[in-house]
PDB file of N, CA and C in Angstrom:
ATOM      1  N   MET A   1      17.305 -16.014  42.055  1.00  0.00           N
ATOM      2  CA  MET A   1      17.864 -14.974  42.905  1.00  0.00           C
ATOM      3  C   MET A   1      17.034 -13.698  42.747  1.00  0.00           C
ATOM      4  N   ALA A   2      16.729 -13.058  43.839  1.00  0.00           N
ATOM      5  CA  ALA A   2      15.925 -11.839  43.814  1.00  0.00           C
ATOM      6  C   ALA A   2      16.746 -10.678  43.265  1.00  0.00           C
ATOM      7  N   LYS A   3      16.033  -9.711  42.720  1.00  0.00           N
ATOM      8  CA  LYS A   3      16.701  -8.501  42.238  1.00  0.00           C
ATOM      9  C   LYS A   3      17.317  -7.762  43.413  1.00  0.00           C
ATOM     10  N   ARG A   4      18.511  -7.235  43.190  1.00  0.00           N
ATOM     11  CA  ARG A   4      19.133  -6.428  44.245  1.00  0.00           C
ATOM     12  C   ARG A   4      18.435  -5.080  44.348  1.00  0.00           C
ATOM     13  N   VAL A   5      18.204  -4.462  43.190  1.00  0.00           N
ATOM     14  CA  VAL A   5      17.544  -3.158  43.149  1.00  0.00           C
ATOM     15  C   VAL A   5      16.390  -3.255  42.161  1.00  0.00           C
ATOM     16  N   HIS A   6      15.183  -2.999  42.645  1.00  0.00           N
ATOM     17  CA  HIS A   6      14.008  -3.017  41.769  1.00  0.00           C
ATOM     18  C   HIS A   6      14.015  -1.767  40.901  1.00  0.00           C
ATOM     19  N   ARG A   7      13.588  -1.910  39.660  1.00  0.00           N
ATOM     20  CA  ARG A   7      13.547  -0.797  38.717  1.00  0.00           C
ATOM     21  C   ARG A   7      12.158  -0.713  38.082  1.00  0.00           C
ATOM     22  N   PRO A   8      11.219  -0.083  38.783  1.00  0.00           N
ATOM     23  CA  PRO A   8       9.852  -0.006  38.247  1.00  0.00           C
ATOM     24  C   PRO A   8       9.795   0.816  36.961  1.00  0.00           C
ATOM     25  N   ARG A   9       8.934   0.381  36.060  1.00  0.00           N
ATOM     26  CA  ARG A   9       8.767   1.077  34.781  1.00  0.00           C
ATOM     27  C   ARG A   9       7.684   2.147  34.836  1.00  0.00           C
ATOM     28  N   GLU A  10       6.902   2.153  35.918  1.00  0.00           N
ATOM     29  CA  GLU A  10       5.818   3.128  36.048  1.00  0.00           C
ATOM     30  C   GLU A  10       5.380   3.216  37.508  1.00  0.00           C
ATOM     31  N   ASP A  11       4.536   4.198  37.788  1.00  0.00           N
ATOM     32  CA  ASP A  11       4.075   4.418  39.162  1.00  0.00           C
ATOM     33  C   ASP A  11       3.363   3.200  39.739  1.00  0.00           C
ATOM     34  N   ALA A  12       2.544   2.521  38.951  1.00  0.00           N
ATOM     35  CA  ALA A  12       1.812   1.356  39.462  1.00  0.00           C
ATOM     36  C   ALA A  12       2.773   0.273  39.948  1.00  0.00           C
ATOM     37  N   GLU A  13       3.836   0.046  39.213  1.00  0.00           N
ATOM     38  CA  GLU A  13       4.830  -0.949  39.619  1.00  0.00           C
ATOM     39  C   GLU A  13       5.585  -0.480  40.870  1.00  0.00           C
ATOM     40  N   PHE A  14       5.902   0.809  40.940  1.00  0.00           N
ATOM     41  CA  PHE A  14       6.536   1.387  42.130  1.00  0.00           C
ATOM     42  C   PHE A  14       5.657   1.129  43.354  1.00  0.00           C
ATOM     43  N   ASN A  15       4.368   1.436  43.232  1.00  0.00           N
ATOM     44  CA  ASN A  15       3.435   1.257  44.345  1.00  0.00           C
ATOM     45  C   ASN A  15       3.296  -0.216  44.730  1.00  0.00           C
ATOM     46  N   PHE A  16       3.312  -1.100  43.751  1.00  0.00           N
ATOM     47  CA  PHE A  16       3.231  -2.531  44.013  1.00  0.00           C
ATOM     48  C   PHE A  16       4.435  -2.985  44.848  1.00  0.00           C
ATOM     49  N   ILE A  17       5.617  -2.549  44.466  1.00  0.00           N
ATOM     50  CA  ILE A  17       6.828  -2.917  45.204  1.00  0.00           C
ATOM     51  C   ILE A  17       6.746  -2.408  46.641  1.00  0.00           C
ATOM     52  N   LEU A  18       6.306  -1.162  46.821  1.00  0.00           N
ATOM     53  CA  LEU A  18       6.150  -0.618  48.168  1.00  0.00           C
ATOM     54  C   LEU A  18       5.174  -1.448  48.986  1.00  0.00           C
ATOM     55  N   GLY A  19       4.064  -1.805  48.374  1.00  0.00           N
ATOM     56  CA  GLY A  19       3.039  -2.576  49.073  1.00  0.00           C
ATOM     57  C   GLY A  19       3.483  -3.980  49.440  1.00  0.00           C
ATOM     58  N   MET A  20       4.357  -4.572  48.662  1.00  0.00           N
ATOM     59  CA  MET A  20       4.817  -5.938  48.904  1.00  0.00           C
ATOM     60  C   MET A  20       5.981  -6.017  49.883  1.00  0.00           C
ATOM     61  N   SER A  21       6.679  -4.922  50.099  1.00  0.00           N
ATOM     62  CA  SER A  21       7.866  -4.949  50.947  1.00  0.00           C
ATOM     63  C   SER A  21       7.497  -5.079  52.422  1.00  0.00           C
ATOM     64  N   LYS A  22       8.121  -6.013  53.080  1.00  0.00           N
ATOM     65  CA  LYS A  22       7.904  -6.219  54.510  1.00  0.00           C
ATOM     66  C   LYS A  22       8.971  -5.501  55.348  1.00  0.00           C
ATOM     67  N   VAL A  23       9.903  -4.854  54.666  1.00  0.00           N
ATOM     68  CA  VAL A  23      10.985  -4.106  55.315  1.00  0.00           C
ATOM     69  C   VAL A  23      10.960  -2.675  54.777  1.00  0.00           C
ATOM     70  N   PRO A  24      11.669  -1.743  55.421  1.00  0.00           N
ATOM     71  CA  PRO A  24      11.726  -0.377  54.893  1.00  0.00           C
ATOM     72  C   PRO A  24      12.247  -0.356  53.451  1.00  0.00           C
ATOM     73  N   VAL A  25      11.871   0.685  52.724  1.00  0.00           N
ATOM     74  CA  VAL A  25      12.237   0.829  51.314  1.00  0.00           C
ATOM     75  C   VAL A  25      13.121   2.062  51.143  1.00  0.00           C
ATOM     76  N   LEU A  26      14.255   1.870  50.483  1.00  0.00           N
ATOM     77  CA  LEU A  26      15.076   2.998  50.049  1.00  0.00           C
ATOM     78  C   LEU A  26      14.682   3.291  48.616  1.00  0.00           C
ATOM     79  N   ALA A  27      13.935   4.374  48.419  1.00  0.00           N
ATOM     80  CA  ALA A  27      13.540   4.801  47.081  1.00  0.00           C
ATOM     81  C   ALA A  27      14.589   5.792  46.590  1.00  0.00           C
ATOM     82  N   TYR A  28      15.240   5.417  45.525  1.00  0.00           N
ATOM     83  CA  TYR A  28      16.316   6.211  44.927  1.00  0.00           C
ATOM     84  C   TYR A  28      15.789   6.743  43.602  1.00  0.00           C
ATOM     85  N   PHE A  29      15.659   8.060  43.492  1.00  0.00           N
ATOM     86  CA  PHE A  29      15.102   8.696  42.297  1.00  0.00           C
ATOM     87  C   PHE A  29      16.228   9.189  41.390  1.00  0.00           C
ATOM     88  N   THR A  30      16.141   8.813  40.131  1.00  0.00           N
ATOM     89  CA  THR A  30      17.165   9.158  39.152  1.00  0.00           C
ATOM     90  C   THR A  30      16.581   9.979  38.018  1.00  0.00           C
ATOM     91  N   GLY A  31      17.473  10.581  37.248  1.00  0.00           N
ATOM     92  CA  GLY A  31      17.056  11.344  36.079  1.00  0.00           C
ATOM     93  C   GLY A  31      17.943  11.006  34.902  1.00  0.00           C
ATOM     94  N   THR A  32      17.438  11.256  33.719  1.00  0.00           N
ATOM     95  CA  THR A  32      18.198  10.928  32.506  1.00  0.00           C
ATOM     96  C   THR A  32      18.605  12.172  31.713  1.00  0.00           C
ATOM     97  N   TRP A  33      18.324  13.358  32.244  1.00  0.00           N
ATOM     98  CA  TRP A  33      18.749  14.562  31.536  1.00  0.00           C
ATOM     99  C   TRP A  33      20.257  14.726  31.739  1.00  0.00           C
ATOM    100  N   PRO A  34      20.932  15.429  30.859  1.00  0.00           N
ATOM    101  CA  PRO A  34      22.407  15.463  30.859  1.00  0.00           C
ATOM    102  C   PRO A  34      23.063  15.817  32.191  1.00  0.00           C
ATOM    103  N   LYS A  35      22.562  16.801  32.900  1.00  0.00           N
ATOM    104  CA  LYS A  35      23.199  17.222  34.150  1.00  0.00           C
ATOM    105  C   LYS A  35      23.067  16.167  35.256  1.00  0.00           C
ATOM    106  N   ALA A  36      22.027  15.349  35.211  1.00  0.00           N
ATOM    107  CA  ALA A  36      21.796  14.332  36.250  1.00  0.00           C
ATOM    108  C   ALA A  36      22.395  12.980  35.891  1.00  0.00           C
ATOM    109  N   LEU A  37      22.668  12.766  34.637  1.00  0.00           N
ATOM    110  CA  LEU A  37      23.058  11.437  34.169  1.00  0.00           C
ATOM    111  C   LEU A  37      24.287  10.873  34.867  1.00  0.00           C
ATOM    112  N   GLU A  38      25.383  11.597  34.902  1.00  0.00           N
ATOM    113  CA  GLU A  38      26.613  11.070  35.494  1.00  0.00           C
ATOM    114  C   GLU A  38      26.489  10.852  37.004  1.00  0.00           C
ATOM    115  N   PRO A  39      25.968  11.815  37.787  1.00  0.00           N
ATOM    116  CA  PRO A  39      25.814  11.555  39.222  1.00  0.00           C
ATOM    117  C   PRO A  39      24.897  10.355  39.503  1.00  0.00           C
ATOM    118  N   CYS A  40      23.879  10.178  38.676  1.00  0.00           N
ATOM    119  CA  CYS A  40      22.964   9.052  38.877  1.00  0.00           C
ATOM    120  C   CYS A  40      23.644   7.729  38.541  1.00  0.00           C
ATOM    121  N   ARG A  41      24.480   7.719  37.527  1.00  0.00           N
ATOM    122  CA  ARG A  41      25.214   6.485  37.197  1.00  0.00           C
ATOM    123  C   ARG A  41      26.142   6.088  38.336  1.00  0.00           C
ATOM    124  N   VAL A  42      26.817   7.057  38.921  1.00  0.00           N
ATOM    125  CA  VAL A  42      27.688   6.777  40.061  1.00  0.00           C
ATOM    126  C   VAL A  42      26.856   6.244  41.225  1.00  0.00           C
ATOM    127  N   MET A  43      25.707   6.858  41.477  1.00  0.00           N
ATOM    128  CA  MET A  43      24.858   6.431  42.587  1.00  0.00           C
ATOM    129  C   MET A  43      24.267   5.046  42.354  1.00  0.00           C
ATOM    130  N   ASP A  44      24.106   4.638  41.092  1.00  0.00           N
ATOM    131  CA  ASP A  44      23.642   3.272  40.812  1.00  0.00           C
ATOM    132  C   ASP A  44      24.569   2.266  41.473  1.00  0.00           C
ATOM    133  N   LEU A  45      25.874   2.489  41.367  1.00  0.00           N
ATOM    134  CA  LEU A  45      26.853   1.580  41.975  1.00  0.00           C
ATOM    135  C   LEU A  45      26.760   1.598  43.496  1.00  0.00           C
ATOM    136  N   VAL A  46      26.574   2.779  44.061  1.00  0.00           N
ATOM    137  CA  VAL A  46      26.442   2.910  45.512  1.00  0.00           C
ATOM    138  C   VAL A  46      25.193   2.170  45.991  1.00  0.00           C
ATOM    139  N   VAL A  47      24.075   2.384  45.315  1.00  0.00           N
ATOM    140  CA  VAL A  47      22.815   1.749  45.722  1.00  0.00           C
ATOM    141  C   VAL A  47      22.905   0.230  45.553  1.00  0.00           C
ATOM    142  N   ASP A  48      23.572  -0.247  44.504  1.00  0.00           N
ATOM    143  CA  ASP A  48      23.781  -1.691  44.351  1.00  0.00           C
ATOM    144  C   ASP A  48      24.529  -2.250  45.558  1.00  0.00           C
ATOM    145  N   GLY A  49      25.567  -1.563  46.005  1.00  0.00           N
ATOM    146  CA  GLY A  49      26.324  -1.999  47.172  1.00  0.00           C
ATOM    147  C   GLY A  49      25.492  -1.979  48.438  1.00  0.00           C
ATOM    148  N   ILE A  50      24.688  -0.947  48.594  1.00  0.00           N
ATOM    149  CA  ILE A  50      23.809  -0.843  49.765  1.00  0.00           C
ATOM    150  C   ILE A  50      22.790  -1.980  49.756  1.00  0.00           C
ATOM    151  N   ALA A  51      22.229  -2.265  48.595  1.00  0.00           N
ATOM    152  CA  ALA A  51      21.244  -3.347  48.487  1.00  0.00           C
ATOM    153  C   ALA A  51      21.858  -4.669  48.930  1.00  0.00           C
ATOM    154  N   ASP A  52      23.114  -4.899  48.563  1.00  0.00           N
ATOM    155  CA  ASP A  52      23.807  -6.113  49.004  1.00  0.00           C
ATOM    156  C   ASP A  52      24.035  -6.101  50.513  1.00  0.00           C
ATOM    157  N   ASP A  53      24.524  -4.984  51.034  1.00  0.00           N
ATOM    158  CA  ASP A  53      24.862  -4.874  52.456  1.00  0.00           C
ATOM    159  C   ASP A  53      23.638  -4.984  53.377  1.00  0.00           C
ATOM    160  N   TYR A  54      22.490  -4.536  52.894  1.00  0.00           N
ATOM    161  CA  TYR A  54      21.287  -4.489  53.731  1.00  0.00           C
ATOM    162  C   TYR A  54      20.254  -5.537  53.315  1.00  0.00           C
ATOM    163  N   THR A  55      20.688  -6.597  52.664  1.00  0.00           N
ATOM    164  CA  THR A  55      19.787  -7.669  52.249  1.00  0.00           C
ATOM    165  C   THR A  55      18.988  -8.174  53.450  1.00  0.00           C
ATOM    166  N   GLY A  56      17.677  -8.229  53.278  1.00  0.00           N
ATOM    167  CA  GLY A  56      16.805  -8.689  54.351  1.00  0.00           C
ATOM    168  C   GLY A  56      16.359  -7.597  55.306  1.00  0.00           C
ATOM    169  N   ARG A  57      17.037  -6.460  55.272  1.00  0.00           N
ATOM    170  CA  ARG A  57      16.685  -5.343  56.151  1.00  0.00           C
ATOM    171  C   ARG A  57      16.095  -4.163  55.385  1.00  0.00           C
ATOM    172  N   LEU A  58      16.208  -4.204  54.049  1.00  0.00           N
ATOM    173  CA  LEU A  58      15.851  -3.055  53.227  1.00  0.00           C
ATOM    174  C   LEU A  58      15.519  -3.521  51.818  1.00  0.00           C
ATOM    175  N   THR A  59      14.536  -2.878  51.213  1.00  0.00           N
ATOM    176  CA  THR A  59      14.240  -3.070  49.791  1.00  0.00           C
ATOM    177  C   THR A  59      14.706  -1.816  49.075  1.00  0.00           C
ATOM    178  N   ALA A  60      15.514  -1.978  48.043  1.00  0.00           N
ATOM    179  CA  ALA A  60      16.002  -0.832  47.265  1.00  0.00           C
ATOM    180  C   ALA A  60      15.219  -0.726  45.968  1.00  0.00           C
ATOM    181  N   VAL A  61      14.772   0.496  45.667  1.00  0.00           N
ATOM    182  CA  VAL A  61      13.997   0.760  44.460  1.00  0.00           C
ATOM    183  C   VAL A  61      14.609   1.949  43.739  1.00  0.00           C
ATOM    184  N   ARG A  62      14.956   1.760  42.465  1.00  0.00           N
ATOM    185  CA  ARG A  62      15.502   2.839  41.628  1.00  0.00           C
ATOM    186  C   ARG A  62      14.375   3.316  40.723  1.00  0.00           C
ATOM    187  N   ALA A  63      13.876   4.507  40.978  1.00  0.00           N
ATOM    188  CA  ALA A  63      12.749   5.047  40.227  1.00  0.00           C
ATOM    189  C   ALA A  63      13.201   6.207  39.338  1.00  0.00           C
ATOM    190  N   ASP A  64      12.950   6.087  38.051  1.00  0.00           N
ATOM    191  CA  ASP A  64      13.235   7.167  37.110  1.00  0.00           C
ATOM    192  C   ASP A  64      12.145   8.232  37.273  1.00  0.00           C
ATOM    193  N   ILE A  65      12.559   9.456  37.478  1.00  0.00           N
ATOM    194  CA  ILE A  65      11.625  10.556  37.708  1.00  0.00           C
ATOM    195  C   ILE A  65      10.589  10.688  36.590  1.00  0.00           C
ATOM    196  N   THR A  66      10.992  10.488  35.352  1.00  0.00           N
ATOM    197  CA  THR A  66      10.053  10.631  34.235  1.00  0.00           C
ATOM    198  C   THR A  66       9.103   9.446  34.110  1.00  0.00           C
ATOM    199  N   ARG A  67       9.479   8.287  34.607  1.00  0.00           N
ATOM    200  CA  ARG A  67       8.615   7.105  34.532  1.00  0.00           C
ATOM    201  C   ARG A  67       7.690   6.974  35.742  1.00  0.00           C
ATOM    202  N   CYS A  68       8.045   7.600  36.827  1.00  0.00           N
ATOM    203  CA  CYS A  68       7.247   7.527  38.067  1.00  0.00           C
ATOM    204  C   CYS A  68       6.913   8.932  38.562  1.00  0.00           C
ATOM    205  N   PRO A  69       6.185   9.707  37.756  1.00  0.00           N
ATOM    206  CA  PRO A  69       5.932  11.103  38.134  1.00  0.00           C
ATOM    207  C   PRO A  69       5.063  11.261  39.380  1.00  0.00           C
ATOM    208  N   ALA A  70       4.127  10.366  39.613  1.00  0.00           N
ATOM    209  CA  ALA A  70       3.269  10.498  40.798  1.00  0.00           C
ATOM    210  C   ALA A  70       4.083  10.257  42.069  1.00  0.00           C
ATOM    211  N   ALA A  71       4.953   9.260  42.054  1.00  0.00           N
ATOM    212  CA  ALA A  71       5.817   9.000  43.215  1.00  0.00           C
ATOM    213  C   ALA A  71       6.768  10.171  43.431  1.00  0.00           C
ATOM    214  N   THR A  72       7.283  10.706  42.340  1.00  0.00           N
ATOM    215  CA  THR A  72       8.189  11.850  42.414  1.00  0.00           C
ATOM    216  C   THR A  72       7.499  13.027  43.096  1.00  0.00           C
ATOM    217  N   GLU A  73       6.276  13.286  42.704  1.00  0.00           N
ATOM    218  CA  GLU A  73       5.517  14.386  43.295  1.00  0.00           C
ATOM    219  C   GLU A  73       5.132  14.082  44.741  1.00  0.00           C
ATOM    220  N   ARG A  74       4.674  12.870  44.995  1.00  0.00           N
ATOM    221  CA  ARG A  74       4.218  12.483  46.343  1.00  0.00           C
ATOM    222  C   ARG A  74       5.317  12.663  47.388  1.00  0.00           C
ATOM    223  N   TYR A  75       6.561  12.361  47.019  1.00  0.00           N
ATOM    224  CA  TYR A  75       7.662  12.446  47.981  1.00  0.00           C
ATOM    225  C   TYR A  75       8.473  13.729  47.845  1.00  0.00           C
ATOM    226  N   GLY A  76       7.981  14.688  47.068  1.00  0.00           N
ATOM    227  CA  GLY A  76       8.611  16.004  46.988  1.00  0.00           C
ATOM    228  C   GLY A  76       9.983  16.011  46.338  1.00  0.00           C
ATOM    229  N   ILE A  77      10.193  15.139  45.375  1.00  0.00           N
ATOM    230  CA  ILE A  77      11.479  15.052  44.700  1.00  0.00           C
ATOM    231  C   ILE A  77      11.598  16.203  43.703  1.00  0.00           C
ATOM    232  N   THR A  78      12.683  16.965  43.815  1.00  0.00           N
ATOM    233  CA  THR A  78      12.884  18.112  42.923  1.00  0.00           C
ATOM    234  C   THR A  78      14.145  18.000  42.080  1.00  0.00           C
ATOM    235  N   GLY A  79      14.954  16.978  42.321  1.00  0.00           N
ATOM    236  CA  GLY A  79      16.179  16.805  41.555  1.00  0.00           C
ATOM    237  C   GLY A  79      16.685  15.385  41.684  1.00  0.00           C
ATOM    238  N   ALA A  80      17.687  15.091  40.896  1.00  0.00           N
ATOM    239  CA  ALA A  80      18.248  13.738  40.915  1.00  0.00           C
ATOM    240  C   ALA A  80      19.768  13.818  40.993  1.00  0.00           C
ATOM    241  N   PRO A  81      20.369  12.922  41.736  1.00  0.00           N
ATOM    242  CA  PRO A  81      19.750  11.834  42.496  1.00  0.00           C
ATOM    243  C   PRO A  81      19.161  12.318  43.823  1.00  0.00           C
ATOM    244  N   SER A  82      18.085  11.657  44.227  1.00  0.00           N
ATOM    245  CA  SER A  82      17.444  11.920  45.515  1.00  0.00           C
ATOM    246  C   SER A  82      17.057  10.596  46.148  1.00  0.00           C
ATOM    247  N   PHE A  83      16.981  10.583  47.471  1.00  0.00           N
ATOM    248  CA  PHE A  83      16.655   9.387  48.217  1.00  0.00           C
ATOM    249  C   PHE A  83      15.521   9.669  49.184  1.00  0.00           C
ATOM    250  N   VAL A  84      14.669   8.663  49.370  1.00  0.00           N
ATOM    251  CA  VAL A  84      13.642   8.732  50.400  1.00  0.00           C
ATOM    252  C   VAL A  84      13.627   7.375  51.087  1.00  0.00           C
ATOM    253  N   LEU A  85      13.699   7.373  52.395  1.00  0.00           N
ATOM    254  CA  LEU A  85      13.555   6.143  53.156  1.00  0.00           C
ATOM    255  C   LEU A  85      12.110   6.056  53.597  1.00  0.00           C
ATOM    256  N   LEU A  86      11.461   4.962  53.238  1.00  0.00           N
ATOM    257  CA  LEU A  86      10.038   4.777  53.504  1.00  0.00           C
ATOM    258  C   LEU A  86       9.817   3.624  54.476  1.00  0.00           C
ATOM    259  N   LYS A  87       8.977   3.857  55.441  1.00  0.00           N
ATOM    260  CA  LYS A  87       8.528   2.793  56.344  1.00  0.00           C
ATOM    261  C   LYS A  87       7.017   2.742  56.244  1.00  0.00           C
ATOM    262  N   GLU A  88       6.516   1.592  55.823  1.00  0.00           N
ATOM    263  CA  GLU A  88       5.078   1.404  55.612  1.00  0.00           C
ATOM    264  C   GLU A  88       4.507   2.486  54.699  1.00  0.00           C
ATOM    265  N   GLY A  89       5.277   2.853  53.676  1.00  0.00           N
ATOM    266  CA  GLY A  89       4.841   3.825  52.685  1.00  0.00           C
ATOM    267  C   GLY A  89       5.011   5.277  53.078  1.00  0.00           C
ATOM    268  N   GLU A  90       5.416   5.531  54.310  1.00  0.00           N
ATOM    269  CA  GLU A  90       5.588   6.902  54.793  1.00  0.00           C
ATOM    270  C   GLU A  90       7.058   7.294  54.778  1.00  0.00           C
ATOM    271  N   ALA A  91       7.337   8.488  54.279  1.00  0.00           N
ATOM    272  CA  ALA A  91       8.715   8.984  54.241  1.00  0.00           C
ATOM    273  C   ALA A  91       9.191   9.313  55.656  1.00  0.00           C
ATOM    274  N   VAL A  92      10.347   8.749  56.020  1.00  0.00           N
ATOM    275  CA  VAL A  92      10.925   9.040  57.330  1.00  0.00           C
ATOM    276  C   VAL A  92      12.238   9.804  57.215  1.00  0.00           C
ATOM    277  N   ALA A  93      12.816   9.844  56.000  1.00  0.00           N
ATOM    278  CA  ALA A  93      14.058  10.587  55.788  1.00  0.00           C
ATOM    279  C   ALA A  93      14.219  10.880  54.304  1.00  0.00           C
ATOM    280  N   HIS A  94      14.834  12.034  53.998  1.00  0.00           N
ATOM    281  CA  HIS A  94      15.117  12.449  52.623  1.00  0.00           C
ATOM    282  C   HIS A  94      16.598  12.783  52.487  1.00  0.00           C
ATOM    283  N   GLY A  95      17.133  12.544  51.312  1.00  0.00           N
ATOM    284  CA  GLY A  95      18.500  12.934  50.989  1.00  0.00           C
ATOM    285  C   GLY A  95      18.573  13.344  49.535  1.00  0.00           C
ATOM    286  N   THR A  96      19.421  14.301  49.229  1.00  0.00           N
ATOM    287  CA  THR A  96      19.538  14.784  47.861  1.00  0.00           C
ATOM    288  C   THR A  96      21.002  14.890  47.476  1.00  0.00           C
ATOM    289  N   GLY A  97      21.263  14.576  46.227  1.00  0.00           N
ATOM    290  CA  GLY A  97      22.602  14.722  45.684  1.00  0.00           C
ATOM    291  C   GLY A  97      23.424  13.450  45.826  1.00  0.00           C
ATOM    292  N   PRO A  98      24.556  13.430  45.145  1.00  0.00           N
ATOM    293  CA  PRO A  98      25.417  12.254  45.217  1.00  0.00           C
ATOM    294  C   PRO A  98      25.940  12.044  46.637  1.00  0.00           C
ATOM    295  N   MET A  99      26.016  10.785  47.049  1.00  0.00           N
ATOM    296  CA  MET A  99      26.534  10.430  48.365  1.00  0.00           C
ATOM    297  C   MET A  99      27.501   9.263  48.209  1.00  0.00           C
ATOM    298  N   THR A 100      28.442   9.182  49.123  1.00  0.00           N
ATOM    299  CA  THR A 100      29.320   8.018  49.166  1.00  0.00           C
ATOM    300  C   THR A 100      28.547   6.877  49.830  1.00  0.00           C
ATOM    301  N   ILE A 101      29.074   5.682  49.718  1.00  0.00           N
ATOM    302  CA  ILE A 101      28.414   4.546  50.367  1.00  0.00           C
ATOM    303  C   ILE A 101      28.389   4.743  51.881  1.00  0.00           C
ATOM    304  N   ALA A 102      29.426   5.349  52.447  1.00  0.00           N
ATOM    305  CA  ALA A 102      29.457   5.625  53.892  1.00  0.00           C
ATOM    306  C   ALA A 102      28.361   6.622  54.274  1.00  0.00           C
ATOM    307  N   GLU A 103      28.143   7.627  53.452  1.00  0.00           N
ATOM    308  CA  GLU A 103      27.093   8.620  53.732  1.00  0.00           C
ATOM    309  C   GLU A 103      25.706   7.982  53.652  1.00  0.00           C
ATOM    310  N   VAL A 104      25.500   7.105  52.680  1.00  0.00           N
ATOM    311  CA  VAL A 104      24.201   6.430  52.569  1.00  0.00           C
ATOM    312  C   VAL A 104      23.986   5.510  53.766  1.00  0.00           C
ATOM    313  N   ARG A 105      25.023   4.794  54.184  1.00  0.00           N
ATOM    314  CA  ARG A 105      24.906   3.941  55.374  1.00  0.00           C
ATOM    315  C   ARG A 105      24.520   4.769  56.598  1.00  0.00           C
ATOM    316  N   LYS A 106      25.160   5.910  56.769  1.00  0.00           N
ATOM    317  CA  LYS A 106      24.853   6.790  57.911  1.00  0.00           C
ATOM    318  C   LYS A 106      23.396   7.276  57.819  1.00  0.00           C
ATOM    319  N   PHE A 107      22.981   7.658  56.616  1.00  0.00           N
ATOM    320  CA  PHE A 107      21.607   8.088  56.348  1.00  0.00           C
ATOM    321  C   PHE A 107      20.634   6.990  56.762  1.00  0.00           C
ATOM    322  N   LEU A 108      20.929   5.739  56.393  1.00  0.00           N
ATOM    323  CA  LEU A 108      20.036   4.618  56.687  1.00  0.00           C
ATOM    324  C   LEU A 108      20.089   4.205  58.159  1.00  0.00           C
ATOM    325  N   ASP A 109      21.289   4.081  58.699  1.00  0.00           N
ATOM    326  CA  ASP A 109      21.446   3.558  60.052  1.00  0.00           C
ATOM    327  C   ASP A 109      20.775   4.431  61.103  1.00  0.00           C
ATOM    328  N   GLY A 110      20.637   5.692  60.832  1.00  0.00           N
ATOM    329  CA  GLY A 110      19.953   6.565  61.766  1.00  0.00           C
ATOM    330  C   GLY A 110      18.448   6.348  61.808  1.00  0.00           C
ATOM    331  N   HIS A 111      17.920   5.574  60.836  1.00  0.00           N
ATOM    332  CA  HIS A 111      16.467   5.406  60.735  1.00  0.00           C
ATOM    333  C   HIS A 111      15.993   3.955  60.691  1.00  0.00           C
ATOM    334  N   LEU A 112      16.914   3.018  60.574  1.00  0.00           N
ATOM    335  CA  LEU A 112      16.494   1.604  60.501  1.00  0.00           C
ATOM    336  C   LEU A 112      16.447   0.972  61.883  1.00  0.00           C
TER     337      LEU A 112
END
């Protein structure tokens, strides 16, 4: 069974996942510092649900800001949690802060 949400350990792995995806990618950026920890844990559950709901239409990637600094910089991520919807490696939409599953669906459906 394929992973629901990819969790790259470094920028090279993040880039590999982007390059291999034949569908748009939801890049979800997380942080481990105290203020970001709880909102990111909640968003992990939301992103897991989205990955299930959009199977075959979307690749979900959970990138830790400290482990993927080049991706974080490339997509202008300044806080966590943050989202970027990528099509062929290009950002087509950004979102910041905790969102409900309904808000993430609305964010995605407007661009998929």
